[in-house]
C-alpha cells in the first residue's frame, strides 16, 4: 500500500483504508449473523447494526472524498480473521442458546476492534486538523461503543443465563 509511512497523514490514510475494508466486510457478514441468531432481540440488533454499518461505510466514503483519498484496494486482515472465526463458530453443533451467546462473543470481538480503530483514526484526524473527518469518525466510534454496550447487556442480563 505504501512504500514507507513517513507522516501521520500517511498513517491516517492507512487507518481509513483499513476501517473501510473492515466495514465493507462486516456489511457482508452481518446478514448471516442475523440469520443465525435465534433470539429475536439479538437478531434485530444485528439487523439494526447492519443499517448502521452501511451508514458508517458512507461516512468513510464522505471522508475519503473530502480528503481526496481512494479508500478501496486494501484488505483488513484483522476483520477477515474475526469474521472467519465467527463463521467457524456458527458452523458448530450448538444449542440455540449457546449459539446466541457465541454470536455475541464474536460480535463483541469485532466491536472492540472497531472501537480501537475508530478511536485512533478520530484522534489522528483531530491532530491533523481534519475537523469534519474527526466528527464523522467520532460519530461512528460512539455508535460502535453503544453497540458493544447493548451486546454486553443482552449477554449478561439474559442470553448467557439461558445458555447455562
N, C-alpha and C. Protein backbone atom coordinates (compact mmCIF):
# COMPACT_ATOMS: atom_id res chain seq x y z
N UNK A 1 0.83 -1.18 0.00
CA UNK A 1 0.00 0.00 0.00
C UNK A 1 0.87 1.25 0.00
N UNK A 2 1.80 1.33 0.93
CA UNK A 2 2.72 2.46 1.00
C UNK A 2 4.13 1.91 0.94
N UNK A 3 4.99 2.62 0.22
CA UNK A 3 6.39 2.23 0.24
C UNK A 3 6.95 2.46 1.63
N UNK A 4 6.54 3.57 2.21
CA UNK A 4 7.04 3.93 3.52
C UNK A 4 6.04 4.87 4.18
N UNK A 5 5.77 4.63 5.44
CA UNK A 5 4.93 5.55 6.20
C UNK A 5 5.85 6.63 6.75
N UNK A 6 5.70 7.82 6.23
CA UNK A 6 6.60 8.90 6.62
C UNK A 6 5.96 9.95 7.51
N UNK A 7 4.64 10.05 7.45
CA UNK A 7 3.97 11.10 8.21
C UNK A 7 2.72 10.55 8.89
N UNK A 8 2.19 11.33 9.81
CA UNK A 8 0.93 10.96 10.45
C UNK A 8 -0.19 10.94 9.42
N UNK A 9 -0.10 11.81 8.41
CA UNK A 9 -1.07 11.78 7.31
C UNK A 9 -1.07 10.42 6.61
N UNK A 10 0.12 9.87 6.36
CA UNK A 10 0.21 8.55 5.72
C UNK A 10 -0.45 7.49 6.60
N UNK A 11 -0.17 7.56 7.88
CA UNK A 11 -0.73 6.58 8.82
C UNK A 11 -2.24 6.74 8.92
N UNK A 12 -2.72 7.98 8.92
CA UNK A 12 -4.16 8.25 8.96
C UNK A 12 -4.83 7.65 7.73
N UNK A 13 -4.25 7.85 6.56
CA UNK A 13 -4.81 7.27 5.34
C UNK A 13 -4.86 5.75 5.44
N UNK A 14 -3.81 5.15 5.95
CA UNK A 14 -3.77 3.71 6.11
C UNK A 14 -4.89 3.24 7.05
N UNK A 15 -5.09 3.97 8.15
CA UNK A 15 -6.15 3.63 9.10
C UNK A 15 -7.53 3.72 8.44
N UNK A 16 -7.75 4.76 7.65
CA UNK A 16 -9.03 4.91 6.97
C UNK A 16 -9.28 3.77 6.00
N UNK A 17 -8.26 3.38 5.25
CA UNK A 17 -8.40 2.26 4.30
C UNK A 17 -8.72 0.97 5.04
N UNK A 18 -8.08 0.77 6.17
CA UNK A 18 -8.31 -0.43 6.96
C UNK A 18 -9.75 -0.45 7.49
N UNK A 19 -10.21 0.67 8.02
CA UNK A 19 -11.58 0.76 8.52
C UNK A 19 -12.59 0.55 7.40
N UNK A 20 -12.32 1.12 6.25
CA UNK A 20 -13.22 0.98 5.12
C UNK A 20 -13.35 -0.49 4.71
N UNK A 21 -12.24 -1.16 4.62
CA UNK A 21 -12.27 -2.59 4.28
C UNK A 21 -12.99 -3.38 5.36
N UNK A 22 -12.72 -3.07 6.61
CA UNK A 22 -13.35 -3.79 7.72
C UNK A 22 -14.87 -3.64 7.65
N UNK A 23 -15.34 -2.42 7.44
CA UNK A 23 -16.79 -2.18 7.40
C UNK A 23 -17.44 -2.85 6.20
N UNK A 24 -16.77 -2.81 5.05
CA UNK A 24 -17.31 -3.46 3.86
C UNK A 24 -17.44 -4.98 4.08
N UNK A 25 -16.46 -5.57 4.76
CA UNK A 25 -16.54 -7.00 5.07
C UNK A 25 -17.68 -7.28 6.04
N UNK A 26 -17.86 -6.39 6.99
CA UNK A 26 -18.90 -6.58 8.00
C UNK A 26 -20.30 -6.46 7.39
N UNK A 27 -20.45 -5.59 6.41
CA UNK A 27 -21.74 -5.48 5.71
C UNK A 27 -22.14 -6.83 5.11
N UNK A 28 -21.16 -7.59 4.65
CA UNK A 28 -21.43 -8.90 4.07
C UNK A 28 -21.68 -9.97 5.15
N UNK A 29 -21.06 -9.82 6.32
CA UNK A 29 -21.15 -10.84 7.37
C UNK A 29 -22.38 -10.70 8.26
N UNK A 30 -22.82 -9.49 8.49
CA UNK A 30 -23.93 -9.27 9.44
C UNK A 30 -25.24 -9.97 9.05
N UNK A 31 -25.61 -10.04 7.78
CA UNK A 31 -26.85 -10.75 7.47
C UNK A 31 -26.82 -12.22 7.90
N UNK A 32 -25.69 -12.88 7.75
CA UNK A 32 -25.59 -14.28 8.18
C UNK A 32 -25.66 -14.38 9.70
N UNK A 33 -25.05 -13.43 10.40
CA UNK A 33 -25.12 -13.43 11.86
C UNK A 33 -26.58 -13.24 12.30
N UNK A 34 -27.29 -12.33 11.64
CA UNK A 34 -28.70 -12.10 11.98
C UNK A 34 -29.53 -13.34 11.70
N UNK A 35 -29.25 -13.98 10.58
CA UNK A 35 -30.00 -15.18 10.21
C UNK A 35 -29.74 -16.32 11.20
N UNK A 36 -28.52 -16.42 11.70
CA UNK A 36 -28.15 -17.49 12.61
C UNK A 36 -28.70 -17.27 14.02
N UNK A 37 -28.85 -16.01 14.42
CA UNK A 37 -29.35 -15.69 15.76
C UNK A 37 -30.78 -16.20 15.91
N UNK A 38 -31.05 -16.88 17.02
CA UNK A 38 -32.39 -17.40 17.28
C UNK A 38 -33.20 -16.45 18.16
N UNK A 39 -32.54 -15.73 19.04
CA UNK A 39 -33.22 -14.78 19.89
C UNK A 39 -33.62 -13.56 19.07
N UNK A 40 -34.87 -13.16 19.17
CA UNK A 40 -35.38 -12.04 18.38
C UNK A 40 -34.67 -10.73 18.66
N UNK A 41 -34.34 -10.48 19.92
CA UNK A 41 -33.65 -9.23 20.26
C UNK A 41 -32.26 -9.19 19.64
N UNK A 42 -31.58 -10.32 19.68
CA UNK A 42 -30.24 -10.39 19.09
C UNK A 42 -30.32 -10.22 17.58
N UNK A 43 -31.26 -10.92 16.97
CA UNK A 43 -31.42 -10.82 15.50
C UNK A 43 -31.72 -9.37 15.09
N UNK A 44 -32.65 -8.73 15.79
CA UNK A 44 -32.98 -7.33 15.47
C UNK A 44 -31.78 -6.42 15.71
N UNK A 45 -30.99 -6.72 16.73
CA UNK A 45 -29.77 -5.94 17.00
C UNK A 45 -28.78 -6.04 15.85
N UNK A 46 -28.60 -7.25 15.32
CA UNK A 46 -27.70 -7.42 14.17
C UNK A 46 -28.25 -6.70 12.94
N UNK A 47 -29.56 -6.78 12.73
CA UNK A 47 -30.16 -6.09 11.58
C UNK A 47 -30.01 -4.58 11.71
N UNK A 48 -30.19 -4.05 12.91
CA UNK A 48 -30.01 -2.62 13.14
C UNK A 48 -28.55 -2.22 12.91
N UNK A 49 -27.64 -3.06 13.40
CA UNK A 49 -26.22 -2.74 13.23
C UNK A 49 -25.80 -2.82 11.77
N UNK A 50 -26.45 -3.67 10.99
CA UNK A 50 -26.17 -3.70 9.55
C UNK A 50 -26.50 -2.34 8.94
N UNK A 51 -27.64 -1.78 9.27
CA UNK A 51 -28.01 -0.45 8.73
C UNK A 51 -27.01 0.61 9.21
N UNK A 52 -26.60 0.54 10.47
CA UNK A 52 -25.59 1.48 10.97
C UNK A 52 -24.28 1.31 10.22
N UNK A 53 -23.89 0.07 9.99
CA UNK A 53 -22.63 -0.21 9.30
C UNK A 53 -22.66 0.32 7.88
N UNK A 54 -23.78 0.19 7.21
CA UNK A 54 -23.90 0.76 5.87
C UNK A 54 -23.72 2.28 5.92
N UNK A 55 -24.27 2.93 6.95
CA UNK A 55 -24.08 4.37 7.13
C UNK A 55 -22.63 4.70 7.46
N UNK A 56 -21.96 3.83 8.20
CA UNK A 56 -20.56 4.04 8.54
C UNK A 56 -19.68 3.95 7.29
N UNK A 57 -20.00 3.04 6.40
CA UNK A 57 -19.29 2.95 5.11
C UNK A 57 -19.47 4.27 4.36
N UNK A 58 -20.69 4.77 4.33
CA UNK A 58 -20.97 6.03 3.63
C UNK A 58 -20.19 7.19 4.26
N UNK A 59 -20.07 7.20 5.59
CA UNK A 59 -19.28 8.25 6.26
C UNK A 59 -17.82 8.18 5.84
N UNK A 60 -17.28 6.97 5.80
CA UNK A 60 -15.89 6.81 5.39
C UNK A 60 -15.70 7.27 3.94
N UNK A 61 -16.66 6.95 3.09
CA UNK A 61 -16.58 7.40 1.70
C UNK A 61 -16.63 8.93 1.63
N UNK A 62 -17.44 9.55 2.48
CA UNK A 62 -17.52 11.01 2.53
C UNK A 62 -16.18 11.60 2.97
N UNK A 63 -15.55 10.98 3.96
CA UNK A 63 -14.23 11.43 4.42
C UNK A 63 -13.21 11.28 3.30
N UNK A 64 -13.22 10.12 2.64
CA UNK A 64 -12.29 9.89 1.54
C UNK A 64 -12.45 10.92 0.44
N UNK A 65 -13.69 11.21 0.08
CA UNK A 65 -13.94 12.21 -0.96
C UNK A 65 -13.45 13.58 -0.53
N UNK A 66 -13.75 13.98 0.71
CA UNK A 66 -13.34 15.29 1.21
C UNK A 66 -11.82 15.44 1.25
N UNK A 67 -11.13 14.35 1.52
CA UNK A 67 -9.67 14.39 1.63
C UNK A 67 -8.97 13.93 0.35
N UNK A 68 -9.77 13.65 -0.69
CA UNK A 68 -9.26 13.20 -1.98
C UNK A 68 -8.43 11.92 -1.83
N UNK A 69 -9.01 10.95 -1.11
CA UNK A 69 -8.36 9.66 -0.89
C UNK A 69 -9.22 8.55 -1.48
N UNK A 70 -8.59 7.61 -2.14
CA UNK A 70 -9.26 6.40 -2.60
C UNK A 70 -9.08 5.35 -1.50
N UNK A 71 -10.17 4.99 -0.84
CA UNK A 71 -10.07 4.07 0.30
C UNK A 71 -10.13 2.60 -0.11
N UNK A 72 -10.39 2.33 -1.37
CA UNK A 72 -10.50 0.94 -1.82
C UNK A 72 -9.13 0.34 -2.08
N UNK A 73 -9.12 -0.97 -2.29
CA UNK A 73 -7.89 -1.64 -2.69
C UNK A 73 -7.08 -2.25 -1.56
N UNK A 74 -7.56 -2.11 -0.34
CA UNK A 74 -6.85 -2.67 0.82
C UNK A 74 -7.77 -3.70 1.47
N UNK A 75 -7.20 -4.75 2.03
CA UNK A 75 -7.98 -5.75 2.77
C UNK A 75 -7.56 -5.73 4.22
N UNK A 76 -8.52 -5.52 5.09
CA UNK A 76 -8.27 -5.56 6.53
C UNK A 76 -8.17 -7.03 6.96
N UNK A 77 -6.96 -7.47 7.22
CA UNK A 77 -6.71 -8.87 7.58
C UNK A 77 -7.31 -9.20 8.95
N UNK A 78 -7.30 -8.23 9.86
CA UNK A 78 -7.86 -8.48 11.19
C UNK A 78 -9.35 -8.78 11.10
N UNK A 79 -10.09 -7.97 10.35
CA UNK A 79 -11.53 -8.22 10.22
C UNK A 79 -11.78 -9.53 9.50
N UNK A 80 -10.96 -9.80 8.51
CA UNK A 80 -11.07 -11.06 7.78
C UNK A 80 -10.96 -12.23 8.77
N UNK A 81 -10.00 -12.15 9.67
CA UNK A 81 -9.82 -13.20 10.67
C UNK A 81 -10.95 -13.26 11.68
N UNK A 82 -11.42 -12.12 12.14
CA UNK A 82 -12.52 -12.09 13.11
C UNK A 82 -13.79 -12.67 12.50
N UNK A 83 -14.05 -12.34 11.25
CA UNK A 83 -15.23 -12.88 10.58
C UNK A 83 -15.08 -14.38 10.36
N UNK A 84 -13.89 -14.82 9.97
CA UNK A 84 -13.65 -16.26 9.77
C UNK A 84 -13.87 -17.03 11.07
N UNK A 85 -13.40 -16.48 12.17
CA UNK A 85 -13.63 -17.12 13.47
C UNK A 85 -15.12 -17.20 13.77
N UNK A 86 -15.84 -16.12 13.50
CA UNK A 86 -17.28 -16.11 13.73
C UNK A 86 -17.98 -17.14 12.87
N UNK A 87 -17.58 -17.26 11.61
CA UNK A 87 -18.18 -18.25 10.71
C UNK A 87 -17.88 -19.67 11.18
N UNK A 88 -16.68 -19.87 11.69
CA UNK A 88 -16.32 -21.19 12.23
C UNK A 88 -17.22 -21.52 13.41
N UNK A 89 -17.43 -20.55 14.28
CA UNK A 89 -18.30 -20.74 15.44
C UNK A 89 -19.73 -21.06 15.00
N UNK A 90 -20.20 -20.37 13.97
CA UNK A 90 -21.57 -20.59 13.50
C UNK A 90 -21.76 -21.97 12.90
N UNK A 91 -20.68 -22.63 12.52
CA UNK A 91 -20.79 -23.97 11.94
C UNK A 91 -20.77 -25.06 13.02
N UNK A 92 -20.55 -24.67 14.26
CA UNK A 92 -20.52 -25.63 15.36
C UNK A 92 -21.92 -26.20 15.62
N UNK A 93 -21.95 -27.39 16.15
CA UNK A 93 -23.20 -28.02 16.57
C UNK A 93 -23.48 -27.55 17.99
N UNK A 94 -24.31 -26.53 18.13
CA UNK A 94 -24.58 -25.94 19.44
C UNK A 94 -26.08 -25.76 19.62
N UNK A 95 -26.49 -25.73 20.87
CA UNK A 95 -27.89 -25.40 21.14
C UNK A 95 -28.15 -23.96 20.71
N UNK A 96 -29.40 -23.61 20.50
CA UNK A 96 -29.74 -22.25 20.09
C UNK A 96 -29.23 -21.22 21.09
N UNK A 97 -29.37 -21.52 22.38
CA UNK A 97 -28.97 -20.57 23.42
C UNK A 97 -27.45 -20.38 23.44
N UNK A 98 -26.72 -21.47 23.30
CA UNK A 98 -25.26 -21.38 23.30
C UNK A 98 -24.79 -20.68 22.02
N UNK A 99 -25.45 -20.94 20.89
CA UNK A 99 -25.08 -20.27 19.65
C UNK A 99 -25.29 -18.77 19.77
N UNK A 100 -26.39 -18.35 20.37
CA UNK A 100 -26.62 -16.91 20.54
C UNK A 100 -25.54 -16.29 21.42
N UNK A 101 -25.16 -16.98 22.48
CA UNK A 101 -24.07 -16.48 23.34
C UNK A 101 -22.76 -16.40 22.56
N UNK A 102 -22.52 -17.39 21.71
CA UNK A 102 -21.30 -17.41 20.89
C UNK A 102 -21.31 -16.28 19.86
N UNK A 103 -22.47 -16.00 19.30
CA UNK A 103 -22.59 -14.90 18.33
C UNK A 103 -22.27 -13.56 19.00
N UNK A 104 -22.74 -13.39 20.22
CA UNK A 104 -22.44 -12.15 20.94
C UNK A 104 -20.93 -12.05 21.20
N UNK A 105 -20.32 -13.15 21.61
CA UNK A 105 -18.88 -13.13 21.86
C UNK A 105 -18.11 -12.74 20.58
N UNK A 106 -18.51 -13.31 19.46
CA UNK A 106 -17.85 -12.99 18.18
C UNK A 106 -18.10 -11.53 17.80
N UNK A 107 -19.32 -11.07 17.99
CA UNK A 107 -19.66 -9.69 17.65
C UNK A 107 -18.90 -8.70 18.52
N UNK A 108 -18.73 -9.04 19.80
CA UNK A 108 -18.00 -8.12 20.67
C UNK A 108 -16.53 -8.04 20.31
N UNK A 109 -15.95 -9.13 19.86
CA UNK A 109 -14.56 -9.07 19.39
C UNK A 109 -14.46 -8.08 18.22
N UNK A 110 -15.42 -8.16 17.32
CA UNK A 110 -15.45 -7.25 16.18
C UNK A 110 -15.63 -5.81 16.65
N UNK A 111 -16.56 -5.59 17.57
CA UNK A 111 -16.81 -4.23 18.07
C UNK A 111 -15.56 -3.66 18.74
N UNK A 112 -14.87 -4.47 19.51
CA UNK A 112 -13.67 -3.97 20.20
C UNK A 112 -12.59 -3.58 19.19
N UNK A 113 -12.47 -4.35 18.12
CA UNK A 113 -11.52 -3.99 17.07
C UNK A 113 -11.90 -2.66 16.44
N UNK A 114 -13.19 -2.51 16.14
CA UNK A 114 -13.65 -1.27 15.51
C UNK A 114 -13.49 -0.07 16.46
N UNK A 115 -13.79 -0.26 17.72
CA UNK A 115 -13.65 0.82 18.70
C UNK A 115 -12.20 1.30 18.73
N UNK A 116 -11.28 0.38 18.74
CA UNK A 116 -9.87 0.73 18.73
C UNK A 116 -9.50 1.50 17.46
N UNK A 117 -9.94 1.00 16.33
CA UNK A 117 -9.61 1.65 15.05
C UNK A 117 -10.22 3.03 14.92
N UNK A 118 -11.47 3.17 15.28
CA UNK A 118 -12.12 4.48 15.16
C UNK A 118 -11.58 5.47 16.19
N UNK A 119 -11.25 5.01 17.37
CA UNK A 119 -10.65 5.91 18.36
C UNK A 119 -9.33 6.47 17.87
N UNK A 120 -8.51 5.61 17.31
CA UNK A 120 -7.22 6.03 16.76
C UNK A 120 -7.41 6.99 15.59
N UNK A 121 -8.27 6.62 14.65
CA UNK A 121 -8.48 7.45 13.47
C UNK A 121 -9.06 8.81 13.84
N UNK A 122 -9.99 8.85 14.79
CA UNK A 122 -10.58 10.13 15.21
C UNK A 122 -9.51 11.02 15.83
N UNK A 123 -8.63 10.44 16.63
CA UNK A 123 -7.55 11.22 17.23
C UNK A 123 -6.60 11.76 16.15
N UNK A 124 -6.22 10.90 15.21
CA UNK A 124 -5.34 11.35 14.12
C UNK A 124 -6.00 12.50 13.35
N UNK A 125 -7.27 12.34 13.02
CA UNK A 125 -7.98 13.38 12.26
C UNK A 125 -7.97 14.70 13.01
N UNK A 126 -8.25 14.64 14.29
CA UNK A 126 -8.25 15.86 15.11
C UNK A 126 -6.86 16.50 15.12
N UNK A 127 -5.87 15.67 15.34
CA UNK A 127 -4.49 16.14 15.42
C UNK A 127 -4.03 16.80 14.11
N UNK A 128 -4.52 16.24 12.99
CA UNK A 128 -4.12 16.73 11.68
C UNK A 128 -4.98 17.90 11.20
N UNK A 129 -5.96 18.30 12.01
CA UNK A 129 -6.81 19.43 11.65
C UNK A 129 -7.95 19.08 10.71
N UNK A 130 -8.26 17.81 10.57
CA UNK A 130 -9.38 17.36 9.74
C UNK A 130 -10.64 17.31 10.62
N UNK A 131 -11.13 18.46 10.99
CA UNK A 131 -12.22 18.57 11.97
C UNK A 131 -13.48 17.83 11.53
N UNK A 132 -13.88 18.00 10.27
CA UNK A 132 -15.09 17.32 9.80
C UNK A 132 -14.92 15.80 9.85
N UNK A 133 -13.76 15.33 9.42
CA UNK A 133 -13.49 13.89 9.46
C UNK A 133 -13.48 13.39 10.90
N UNK A 134 -12.89 14.16 11.80
CA UNK A 134 -12.86 13.77 13.21
C UNK A 134 -14.26 13.63 13.77
N UNK A 135 -15.14 14.55 13.41
CA UNK A 135 -16.53 14.48 13.90
C UNK A 135 -17.25 13.26 13.36
N UNK A 136 -17.06 12.95 12.09
CA UNK A 136 -17.69 11.77 11.50
C UNK A 136 -17.15 10.48 12.12
N UNK A 137 -15.85 10.44 12.33
CA UNK A 137 -15.23 9.26 12.95
C UNK A 137 -15.70 9.10 14.39
N UNK A 138 -15.83 10.21 15.10
CA UNK A 138 -16.32 10.16 16.49
C UNK A 138 -17.77 9.67 16.53
N UNK A 139 -18.56 10.08 15.56
CA UNK A 139 -19.96 9.62 15.50
C UNK A 139 -20.00 8.10 15.36
N UNK A 140 -19.16 7.57 14.48
CA UNK A 140 -19.10 6.12 14.31
C UNK A 140 -18.56 5.45 15.58
N UNK A 141 -17.53 6.04 16.18
CA UNK A 141 -17.00 5.49 17.43
C UNK A 141 -18.09 5.39 18.48
N UNK A 142 -18.89 6.44 18.61
CA UNK A 142 -19.99 6.42 19.58
C UNK A 142 -20.98 5.30 19.29
N UNK A 143 -21.29 5.09 18.02
CA UNK A 143 -22.21 4.00 17.65
C UNK A 143 -21.62 2.63 17.98
N UNK A 144 -20.33 2.46 17.71
CA UNK A 144 -19.68 1.18 17.99
C UNK A 144 -19.67 0.90 19.50
N UNK A 145 -19.40 1.93 20.28
CA UNK A 145 -19.40 1.76 21.74
C UNK A 145 -20.79 1.42 22.26
N UNK A 146 -21.82 2.06 21.70
CA UNK A 146 -23.18 1.77 22.12
C UNK A 146 -23.58 0.35 21.73
N UNK A 147 -23.19 -0.08 20.55
CA UNK A 147 -23.47 -1.45 20.12
C UNK A 147 -22.81 -2.45 21.06
N UNK A 148 -21.56 -2.21 21.44
CA UNK A 148 -20.86 -3.08 22.37
C UNK A 148 -21.59 -3.13 23.71
N UNK A 149 -22.03 -1.99 24.20
CA UNK A 149 -22.76 -1.94 25.47
C UNK A 149 -24.06 -2.74 25.38
N UNK A 150 -24.78 -2.58 24.28
CA UNK A 150 -26.04 -3.32 24.11
C UNK A 150 -25.79 -4.82 24.05
N UNK A 151 -24.76 -5.24 23.32
CA UNK A 151 -24.42 -6.66 23.26
C UNK A 151 -24.05 -7.18 24.64
N UNK A 152 -23.27 -6.42 25.36
CA UNK A 152 -22.85 -6.80 26.71
C UNK A 152 -24.05 -6.96 27.63
N UNK A 153 -24.95 -5.99 27.59
CA UNK A 153 -26.14 -6.06 28.43
C UNK A 153 -27.01 -7.26 28.07
N UNK A 154 -27.20 -7.51 26.79
CA UNK A 154 -28.01 -8.64 26.35
C UNK A 154 -27.39 -9.96 26.81
N UNK A 155 -26.08 -10.06 26.71
CA UNK A 155 -25.39 -11.28 27.14
C UNK A 155 -25.49 -11.45 28.65
N UNK A 156 -25.09 -10.44 29.40
CA UNK A 156 -25.02 -10.57 30.86
C UNK A 156 -26.38 -10.66 31.53
N UNK A 157 -27.36 -9.97 31.00
CA UNK A 157 -28.66 -9.90 31.66
C UNK A 157 -29.68 -10.90 31.15
N UNK A 158 -29.32 -11.66 30.12
CA UNK A 158 -30.34 -12.52 29.55
C UNK A 158 -29.78 -13.77 28.87
N UNK A 159 -29.06 -13.61 27.77
CA UNK A 159 -28.71 -14.76 26.93
C UNK A 159 -27.72 -15.73 27.57
N UNK A 160 -26.73 -15.21 28.29
CA UNK A 160 -25.76 -16.14 28.90
C UNK A 160 -26.44 -17.04 29.94
N UNK A 161 -27.42 -16.51 30.66
CA UNK A 161 -28.14 -17.32 31.65
C UNK A 161 -28.94 -18.42 30.94
N UNK A 162 -29.51 -18.11 29.78
CA UNK A 162 -30.25 -19.13 29.03
C UNK A 162 -29.33 -20.23 28.51
N UNK A 163 -28.06 -19.90 28.29
CA UNK A 163 -27.12 -20.85 27.72
C UNK A 163 -26.53 -21.80 28.77
N UNK A 164 -26.74 -21.52 30.03
CA UNK A 164 -26.13 -22.37 31.09
C UNK A 164 -26.66 -23.77 31.08
